[in-house]
Amino acid sequence: MTYPAATGDFRSVSHAAPAFAEERSAVIDLEAIRHNVRHLAAVASPAQVMAVVKADAYGHGAVPVARAALSAGASWLGVAHISEALALRAAGIEAPLLAWLHTPESNFAAAVAAGIDIGCSGWELQRIVTAAREQERPARIHLKVDTGLGRNGATLDAWDSLVGEAMEYQDQGLLRVVGIFSHLAVADEPERPETDEQLAAFREVLAIARDAGVDPEVRHLANTPATLSRPDTHFDLVRVGLGLYGLSPFEEQSAAELGLRPAMTLRTVVSHCKDVPAGQGVSYGLNYRTGGPSTLALIPLGYADGVPRIATGGPVRVEGVTYPVVGRIAMDQMVIDLGPLKVSAGGRSVLGAEAVLFGNGADGGPTAEDWARAAGTNNYEIVTRISPRVPRRYINEEPVNEEPVSEEPRNEAPRRSGEQRQ
């Protein structure tokens, strides 16, 4: 089934729809999502799994991914903004759901009314209590502490005060402290000592909260890299984002080595194919010129579709061969140099052939990591930035029976890694 990419608008587009629906698409394998949840749940057990579906499920589609994750054993869902959580509730999803990034304009009343758990770093507490009074319903909150990342979360110095104030409101029946959480800064670099420091700080704030009478349902600290490499950070719940989508958080370990399956394939069809002479310039700036008579193929995806403009050299696979993008990537299109096919003289044309920018890499084809290297970024930015102009097409919507895991999951620390992942 194919859906528009915009979050919350999941009216079906029939396969009998006009052909333009398949000119380009991001194909999302929901069985890969389910596989990843089952695998990560086995690694994290006995901790529960929160499937992080913020940012439209990292570009994969929040509602279909949330449903797939829950069907495979995820117990919680996590998003950044209350608006994202409300869209999931509007789609009929009633699972425990946490939203943790707010502004003074956030709709706390709607969150309380919808039974959405609210992350609280301190300043939000009074607004949450006001919303609870308005709705005549206790709010569910997770107190967040900054153990070293330096973003939101109460400071260690302010923690005593926040816990005490929250417990006063809990005693009044205005809220329930459901969880206590923090976020790790360098878990994808296991050799660094800061994770140990953050873990120690988290244990200290948990002890303070316990002494104040807090009895949370869940304590959570681990993101995807910590879930895979630091079982001592699992506590009651792990929050998995990147791993949910089958992408590795570690620079020198592949998804396959971690037991994960990439869920998104970005593909289109070749829209033009022509012979050109030696020295032909390609795209704006003419930064690339053909070294000899050659055949150029036009790929109708560009930075308006979320492909990084800077990623010249990114791979495109056509008919089993992978070609680098040449010249600048434009708003709607890019070019690959096929070599001298001589289509004008009756040689093979690839017009209309499928062109895959990235997928699961199982056939040796390009991956999101390849595009990340070309763009100088990370793999989860590559998938998250694919724009709503690219329709999402979902495959394997029904669960597939899978043999149970017969061996104990490994929590081996990876060799080295890059930027922090959720």
Protein backbone atom coordinates (compact mmCIF):
# COMPACT_ATOMS: atom_id res chain seq x y z
CA MET A 1 0.00 0.00 0.00
CA THR A 2 1.21 3.53 -0.73
CA TYR A 3 0.63 6.51 1.54
CA PRO A 4 1.37 10.21 1.23
CA ALA A 5 4.45 11.02 3.21
CA ALA A 6 2.92 13.76 5.36
CA THR A 7 2.50 12.68 8.96
CA GLY A 8 -1.03 11.82 9.92
CA ASP A 9 -2.50 11.68 6.40
CA PHE A 10 -2.68 7.96 5.81
CA ARG A 11 -5.48 7.64 3.30
CA SER A 12 -4.62 4.79 0.98
CA VAL A 13 -3.40 5.44 -2.53
CA SER A 14 -4.41 2.50 -4.69
CA HIS A 15 -1.87 0.61 -6.78
CA ALA A 16 -4.23 1.42 -9.66
CA ALA A 17 -3.45 5.11 -9.17
CA PRO A 18 -1.75 7.06 -11.97
CA ALA A 19 1.79 6.01 -12.78
CA PHE A 20 3.30 9.14 -11.22
CA ALA A 21 2.82 7.54 -7.80
CA GLU A 22 5.68 5.20 -8.63
CA GLU A 23 7.99 7.60 -10.48
CA ARG A 24 9.84 7.85 -7.20
CA SER A 25 9.19 6.30 -3.82
CA ALA A 26 10.66 5.45 -0.48
CA VAL A 27 9.79 1.80 0.00
CA ILE A 28 9.41 0.91 3.68
CA ASP A 29 9.71 -2.74 4.66
CA LEU A 30 7.54 -3.12 7.75
CA GLU A 31 8.80 -6.65 8.34
CA ALA A 32 12.28 -5.15 8.70
CA ILE A 33 10.86 -2.84 11.37
CA ARG A 34 9.30 -5.79 13.17
CA HIS A 35 12.50 -7.82 12.89
CA ASN A 36 14.53 -4.96 14.38
CA VAL A 37 12.12 -4.59 17.30
CA ARG A 38 12.23 -8.31 18.04
CA HIS A 39 16.02 -8.31 17.89
CA LEU A 40 16.44 -5.23 20.06
CA ALA A 41 13.90 -6.54 22.55
CA ALA A 42 15.94 -9.74 22.86
CA VAL A 43 19.11 -7.71 23.44
CA ALA A 44 17.44 -5.45 26.02
CA SER A 45 15.44 -8.08 27.91
CA PRO A 46 14.15 -7.87 30.60
CA ALA A 47 13.93 -4.14 29.92
CA GLN A 48 11.02 -2.98 27.79
CA VAL A 49 11.45 -1.26 24.41
CA MET A 50 10.32 2.25 23.51
CA ALA A 51 10.13 2.69 19.74
CA VAL A 52 11.14 6.27 18.94
CA VAL A 53 8.96 7.47 16.06
CA LYS A 54 9.67 11.20 16.20
CA ALA A 55 10.24 13.13 12.95
CA ASP A 56 7.66 10.98 11.14
CA ALA A 57 9.53 7.88 12.28
CA TYR A 58 12.82 9.19 10.91
CA GLY A 59 11.11 9.72 7.57
CA HIS A 60 9.60 6.22 7.46
CA GLY A 61 6.03 7.17 8.41
CA ALA A 62 5.03 7.43 12.07
CA VAL A 63 1.69 5.63 12.04
CA PRO A 64 2.65 2.51 10.01
CA VAL A 65 5.97 2.19 11.83
CA ALA A 66 4.37 2.64 15.25
CA ARG A 67 1.82 -0.06 14.52
CA ALA A 68 4.50 -2.43 13.22
CA ALA A 69 6.74 -1.80 16.23
CA LEU A 70 3.93 -2.39 18.71
CA SER A 71 2.89 -5.60 16.95
CA ALA A 72 6.46 -6.88 17.27
CA GLY A 73 6.72 -6.26 20.99
CA ALA A 74 7.54 -2.61 21.63
CA SER A 75 5.75 -1.51 24.81
CA TRP A 76 6.10 2.25 24.45
CA LEU A 77 6.32 4.90 21.76
CA GLY A 78 8.43 8.05 21.97
CA VAL A 79 8.27 11.35 20.10
CA ALA A 80 9.79 14.77 20.52
CA HIS A 81 6.71 17.00 20.28
CA ILE A 82 3.21 16.79 21.71
CA SER A 83 1.84 17.48 18.23
CA GLU A 84 3.49 14.26 17.01
CA ALA A 85 1.95 12.34 19.89
CA LEU A 86 -1.49 13.77 19.19
CA ALA A 87 -1.25 12.60 15.55
CA LEU A 88 -0.61 9.06 16.78
CA ARG A 89 -3.57 9.24 19.14
CA ALA A 90 -5.73 10.56 16.30
CA ALA A 91 -4.76 7.48 14.30
CA GLY A 92 -6.15 5.28 17.06
CA ILE A 93 -2.88 4.29 18.72
CA GLU A 94 -3.40 3.96 22.47
CA ALA A 95 -0.04 2.57 23.60
CA PRO A 96 1.97 4.36 26.30
CA LEU A 97 3.43 7.38 24.57
CA LEU A 98 6.00 9.92 25.75
CA ALA A 99 6.69 13.40 24.32
CA TRP A 100 9.73 15.17 25.76
CA LEU A 101 10.57 18.40 23.90
CA HIS A 102 8.37 21.40 24.65
CA THR A 103 8.07 25.16 24.39
CA PRO A 104 5.82 27.56 26.33
CA GLU A 105 3.40 27.21 23.39
CA SER A 106 3.11 23.41 23.66
CA ASN A 107 -0.43 22.12 24.17
CA PHE A 108 -0.08 20.48 27.57
CA ALA A 109 -3.85 20.39 28.07
CA ALA A 110 -4.31 18.31 24.91
CA ALA A 111 -1.53 15.98 26.02
CA VAL A 112 -3.13 15.43 29.43
CA ALA A 113 -6.55 14.88 27.82
CA ALA A 114 -5.09 12.30 25.42
CA GLY A 115 -3.22 10.41 28.11
CA ILE A 116 0.17 11.34 26.69
CA ASP A 117 3.13 11.13 29.05
CA ILE A 118 5.01 14.42 29.28
CA GLY A 119 8.74 14.83 29.78
CA CYS A 120 9.46 17.48 32.40
CA SER A 121 12.80 19.24 32.88
CA GLY A 122 11.50 21.75 35.44
CA TRP A 123 10.05 24.86 33.81
CA GLU A 124 7.14 22.86 32.37
CA LEU A 125 5.87 21.63 35.73
CA GLN A 126 3.56 24.55 36.51
CA ARG A 127 2.08 24.49 33.01
CA ILE A 128 1.49 20.74 33.28
CA VAL A 129 -0.24 21.17 36.64
CA THR A 130 -2.43 23.94 35.21
CA ALA A 131 -3.38 21.64 32.34
CA ALA A 132 -4.22 18.83 34.78
CA ARG A 133 -6.50 21.14 36.74
CA GLU A 134 -8.22 22.27 33.53
CA GLN A 135 -8.76 18.71 32.35
CA GLU A 136 -9.65 17.42 35.82
CA ARG A 137 -7.31 14.55 35.13
CA PRO A 138 -3.89 13.76 36.62
CA ALA A 139 -0.98 14.33 34.29
CA ARG A 140 1.58 11.58 33.67
CA ILE A 141 5.11 12.94 33.74
CA HIS A 142 8.65 11.67 33.32
CA LEU A 143 11.18 13.80 35.17
CA LYS A 144 14.24 14.42 33.04
CA VAL A 145 17.71 15.11 34.41
CA ASP A 146 20.71 16.37 32.51
CA THR A 147 23.50 13.96 33.39
CA GLY A 148 25.99 15.53 30.99
CA LEU A 149 24.54 16.04 27.50
CA GLY A 150 23.89 19.73 28.18
CA ARG A 151 20.49 19.97 26.49
CA ASN A 152 17.15 19.80 28.30
CA GLY A 153 16.72 18.12 31.66
CA ALA A 154 17.05 19.52 35.15
CA THR A 155 20.55 20.26 36.36
CA LEU A 156 21.92 18.09 39.12
CA ASP A 157 21.76 21.09 41.45
CA ALA A 158 18.06 21.62 40.71
CA TRP A 159 17.09 17.95 40.94
CA ASP A 160 16.19 17.90 44.67
CA SER A 161 13.87 20.86 44.23
CA LEU A 162 12.17 19.47 41.12
CA VAL A 163 11.57 16.08 42.73
CA GLY A 164 10.18 17.66 45.88
CA GLU A 165 7.80 19.94 43.98
CA ALA A 166 6.63 17.11 41.75
CA MET A 167 5.89 14.91 44.76
CA GLU A 168 3.83 17.67 46.36
CA TYR A 169 1.65 17.80 43.27
CA GLN A 170 1.48 14.01 43.17
CA ASP A 171 0.23 14.01 46.76
CA GLN A 172 -2.48 16.47 45.65
CA GLY A 173 -3.57 14.07 42.91
CA LEU A 174 -2.58 16.42 40.08
CA LEU A 175 0.09 14.25 38.52
CA ARG A 176 1.87 10.93 38.64
CA VAL A 177 5.64 10.66 38.31
CA VAL A 178 5.64 7.76 35.86
CA GLY A 179 9.29 7.87 34.83
CA ILE A 180 12.74 9.27 35.40
CA PHE A 181 15.09 9.59 32.43
CA SER A 182 18.17 11.13 30.89
CA HIS A 183 19.99 10.93 27.56
CA LEU A 184 23.50 9.80 26.73
CA ALA A 185 25.99 11.94 24.83
CA VAL A 186 28.66 9.53 23.56
CA ALA A 187 27.25 6.00 23.80
CA ASP A 188 28.20 5.45 20.17
CA GLU A 189 31.85 5.85 21.19
CA PRO A 190 32.12 3.08 23.80
CA GLU A 191 35.74 3.79 24.68
CA ARG A 192 34.92 7.24 26.06
CA PRO A 193 34.54 7.62 29.85
CA GLU A 194 31.64 10.08 29.76
CA THR A 195 29.04 7.31 29.53
CA ASP A 196 30.28 5.85 32.80
CA GLU A 197 30.12 9.33 34.33
CA GLN A 198 26.57 9.86 33.11
CA LEU A 199 25.51 6.44 34.37
CA ALA A 200 26.93 7.18 37.81
CA ALA A 201 25.11 10.54 37.89
CA PHE A 202 21.87 8.85 36.84
CA ARG A 203 22.16 6.31 39.63
CA GLU A 204 22.68 9.15 42.10
CA VAL A 205 19.55 11.03 41.01
CA LEU A 206 17.54 7.82 41.13
CA ALA A 207 18.62 7.36 44.75
CA ILE A 208 17.60 10.93 45.57
CA ALA A 209 14.20 10.38 43.96
CA ARG A 210 13.73 7.10 45.81
CA ASP A 211 14.52 8.76 49.12
CA ALA A 212 11.88 11.40 48.31
CA GLY A 213 9.25 8.71 47.81
CA VAL A 214 9.23 8.50 44.01
CA ASP A 215 8.28 5.02 42.77
CA PRO A 216 8.43 5.32 38.97
CA GLU A 217 7.08 2.75 36.54
CA VAL A 218 10.12 3.14 34.30
CA ARG A 219 13.67 4.42 34.55
CA HIS A 220 15.26 4.94 31.14
CA LEU A 221 18.65 6.05 29.91
CA ALA A 222 19.79 3.84 27.01
CA ASN A 223 19.49 4.89 23.37
CA THR A 224 20.23 2.57 20.42
CA PRO A 225 24.04 2.39 20.85
CA ALA A 226 23.76 1.87 24.59
CA THR A 227 21.09 -0.76 24.07
CA LEU A 228 23.50 -2.66 21.84
CA SER A 229 26.72 -2.16 23.81
CA ARG A 230 25.95 -1.20 27.43
CA PRO A 231 23.54 -3.56 29.22
CA ASP A 232 24.28 -1.73 32.47
CA THR A 233 22.32 1.25 31.10
CA HIS A 234 19.13 -0.66 30.27
CA PHE A 235 17.21 -0.20 33.55
CA ASP A 236 13.46 -0.71 32.94
CA LEU A 237 13.15 0.67 29.41
CA VAL A 238 15.40 1.38 26.42
CA ARG A 239 14.63 4.03 23.81
CA VAL A 240 15.53 2.82 20.33
CA GLY A 241 15.39 5.15 17.36
CA LEU A 242 18.08 4.53 14.78
CA GLY A 243 18.18 0.78 15.40
CA LEU A 244 14.43 0.55 14.88
CA TYR A 245 15.00 1.53 11.24
CA GLY A 246 17.80 -0.98 10.78
CA LEU A 247 20.69 1.48 10.75
CA SER A 248 23.92 1.09 12.67
CA PRO A 249 24.94 3.74 15.21
CA PHE A 250 28.55 2.60 15.01
CA GLU A 251 30.90 3.81 12.30
CA GLU A 252 32.80 0.56 11.95
CA GLN A 253 29.99 -1.96 12.43
CA SER A 254 27.36 -2.54 9.78
CA ALA A 255 23.66 -3.07 10.39
CA ALA A 256 24.04 -6.70 9.35
CA GLU A 257 26.82 -7.24 11.90
CA LEU A 258 24.46 -5.92 14.57
CA GLY A 259 21.59 -8.13 13.44
CA LEU A 260 19.56 -5.22 12.01
CA ARG A 261 17.78 -4.82 8.67
CA PRO A 262 17.54 -1.38 6.99
CA ALA A 263 13.87 -0.65 6.33
CA MET A 264 13.97 2.10 3.69
CA THR A 265 14.82 1.83 0.00
CA LEU A 266 14.91 5.10 -1.97
CA ARG A 267 14.27 4.47 -5.66
CA THR A 268 13.09 6.09 -8.85
CA VAL A 269 13.38 5.44 -12.60
CA VAL A 270 15.81 6.86 -15.15
CA SER A 271 14.00 9.77 -16.81
CA HIS A 272 16.38 10.54 -19.71
CA CYS A 273 19.31 8.84 -21.41
CA LYS A 274 21.51 10.41 -24.11
CA ASP A 275 24.92 10.26 -25.74
CA VAL A 276 27.24 13.23 -25.32
CA PRO A 277 30.72 14.05 -26.66
CA ALA A 278 33.97 14.25 -24.73
CA GLY A 279 34.21 17.37 -22.62
CA GLN A 280 30.46 17.69 -22.04
CA GLY A 281 29.80 19.70 -18.89
CA VAL A 282 27.22 18.40 -16.44
CA SER A 283 24.85 20.40 -14.21
CA TYR A 284 25.22 23.84 -12.63
CA GLY A 285 28.74 25.16 -12.48
CA LEU A 286 29.98 22.61 -15.04
CA ASN A 287 32.21 21.13 -12.35
CA TYR A 288 32.25 17.80 -14.15
CA ARG A 289 33.08 17.13 -17.80
CA THR A 290 33.00 13.79 -19.53
CA GLY A 291 36.41 12.30 -20.22
CA GLY A 292 35.33 10.88 -23.56
CA PRO A 293 32.19 10.14 -25.57
CA SER A 294 29.69 8.97 -22.98
CA THR A 295 26.06 8.33 -22.11
CA LEU A 296 24.43 10.37 -19.40
CA ALA A 297 21.37 9.26 -17.46
CA LEU A 298 19.09 11.65 -15.61
CA ILE A 299 17.84 10.60 -12.17
CA PRO A 300 14.71 12.57 -11.14
CA LEU A 301 15.51 13.09 -7.47
CA GLY A 302 17.17 16.16 -6.00
CA TYR A 303 17.49 18.26 -2.91
CA ALA A 304 13.77 19.10 -2.94
CA ASP A 305 13.29 15.37 -2.37
CA GLY A 306 15.76 15.38 0.50
CA VAL A 307 18.90 14.24 -1.33
CA PRO A 308 21.79 16.36 0.02
CA ARG A 309 22.94 18.91 -2.55
CA ILE A 310 26.50 18.47 -1.35
CA ALA A 311 26.54 14.70 -1.97
CA THR A 312 28.14 14.62 -5.43
CA GLY A 313 29.62 11.15 -5.82
CA GLY A 314 26.72 9.50 -4.04
CA PRO A 315 25.92 6.06 -5.51
CA VAL A 316 23.01 5.15 -7.79
CA ARG A 317 22.43 1.53 -8.83
CA VAL A 318 20.96 0.88 -12.27
CA GLU A 319 20.54 -2.62 -13.71
CA GLY A 320 22.95 -4.11 -11.20
CA VAL A 321 25.73 -1.54 -11.67
CA THR A 322 26.45 1.26 -9.21
CA TYR A 323 27.41 4.66 -10.66
CA PRO A 324 28.49 7.82 -8.81
CA VAL A 325 26.51 11.02 -9.24
CA VAL A 326 28.49 13.49 -11.37
CA GLY A 327 28.11 17.25 -11.30
CA ARG A 328 26.02 19.15 -8.80
CA ILE A 329 22.81 17.69 -7.45
CA ALA A 330 19.98 20.05 -8.40
CA MET A 331 16.60 20.69 -6.84
CA ASP A 332 14.80 17.98 -8.80
CA GLN A 333 17.43 15.87 -10.51
CA MET A 334 20.95 14.54 -10.72
CA VAL A 335 23.10 12.89 -13.38
CA ILE A 336 25.11 9.69 -13.59
CA ASP A 337 27.70 8.91 -16.29
CA LEU A 338 27.13 5.44 -17.73
CA GLY A 339 30.13 5.37 -20.05
CA PRO A 340 29.84 4.94 -23.84
CA LEU A 341 26.59 2.97 -24.31
CA LYS A 342 26.00 4.66 -27.69
CA VAL A 343 22.20 4.63 -27.39
CA SER A 344 21.88 6.90 -30.43
CA ALA A 345 23.43 4.15 -32.55
CA GLY A 346 21.15 1.44 -31.21
CA GLY A 347 23.03 0.67 -28.02
CA ARG A 348 21.31 -0.29 -24.81
CA SER A 349 19.24 2.47 -23.24
CA VAL A 350 18.36 2.48 -19.56
CA LEU A 351 15.45 4.90 -19.98
CA GLY A 352 12.76 3.81 -17.53
CA ALA A 353 15.05 1.43 -15.64
CA GLU A 354 14.81 1.45 -11.87
CA ALA A 355 17.46 3.56 -10.13
CA VAL A 356 18.13 2.81 -6.45
CA LEU A 357 19.92 5.41 -4.35
CA PHE A 358 20.02 3.28 -1.22
CA GLY A 359 18.45 0.21 0.30
CA ASN A 360 19.36 -2.67 2.57
CA GLY A 361 22.64 -3.37 0.75
CA ALA A 362 21.95 -7.11 0.71
CA ASP A 363 22.75 -7.35 -3.02
CA GLY A 364 25.86 -5.24 -2.73
CA GLY A 365 23.91 -2.14 -3.63
CA PRO A 366 24.27 1.31 -2.09
CA THR A 367 23.22 2.10 1.46
CA ALA A 368 22.27 5.15 3.47
CA GLU A 369 25.78 5.01 4.94
CA ASP A 370 27.25 5.45 1.45
CA TRP A 371 25.20 8.61 0.96
CA ALA A 372 26.14 9.81 4.43
CA ARG A 373 29.82 9.56 3.54
CA ALA A 374 29.25 11.43 0.28
CA ALA A 375 27.41 14.20 2.15
CA GLY A 376 29.69 14.33 5.18
CA THR A 377 26.84 13.51 7.55
CA ASN A 378 25.33 10.49 9.30
CA ASN A 379 22.97 7.78 8.14
CA TYR A 380 19.92 8.84 10.11
CA GLU A 381 19.99 12.33 8.59
CA ILE A 382 19.91 10.71 5.15
CA VAL A 383 16.69 8.80 5.81
CA THR A 384 15.02 11.46 7.94
CA ARG A 385 15.41 14.23 5.38
CA ILE A 386 13.60 12.42 2.53
CA SER A 387 10.84 14.92 1.79
CA PRO A 388 7.05 14.53 1.61
CA ARG A 389 7.32 14.89 -2.18
CA VAL A 390 8.54 11.29 -2.23
CA PRO A 391 5.60 8.93 -1.60
CA ARG A 392 6.12 6.22 0.99
CA ARG A 393 5.17 2.73 -0.18
CA TYR A 394 4.78 0.05 2.46
CA ILE A 395 5.52 -3.62 1.91
CA ASN A 396 5.10 -6.63 4.20
CA GLU A 397 2.32 -4.95 6.09
CA GLU A 398 1.23 -8.26 7.60
CA PRO A 399 3.57 -9.91 10.11
CA VAL A 400 5.77 -12.70 8.78
CA ASN A 401 6.43 -15.75 10.94
CA GLU A 402 10.07 -15.80 11.96
CA GLU A 403 12.08 -18.51 13.64
CA PRO A 404 12.81 -17.62 17.27
CA VAL A 405 16.31 -16.47 18.11
CA SER A 406 18.19 -19.55 19.28
CA GLU A 407 21.32 -17.92 20.63
CA GLU A 408 21.86 -15.42 23.36
CA PRO A 409 22.13 -11.84 22.06
CA ARG A 410 25.61 -10.41 22.15
CA ASN A 411 26.33 -7.11 23.87
CA GLU A 412 29.77 -6.65 22.38
CA ALA A 413 31.21 -3.17 22.43
CA PRO A 414 31.86 -2.00 18.87
CA ARG A 415 35.28 -0.90 17.72
CA ARG A 416 34.65 2.76 17.02
CA SER A 417 31.81 5.02 15.98
CA GLY A 418 30.68 8.45 14.88
CA GLU A 419 28.12 11.00 16.01
CA GLN A 420 25.63 10.26 18.76
CA ARG A 421 22.42 8.48 17.81
CA GLN A 422 19.06 8.32 19.48
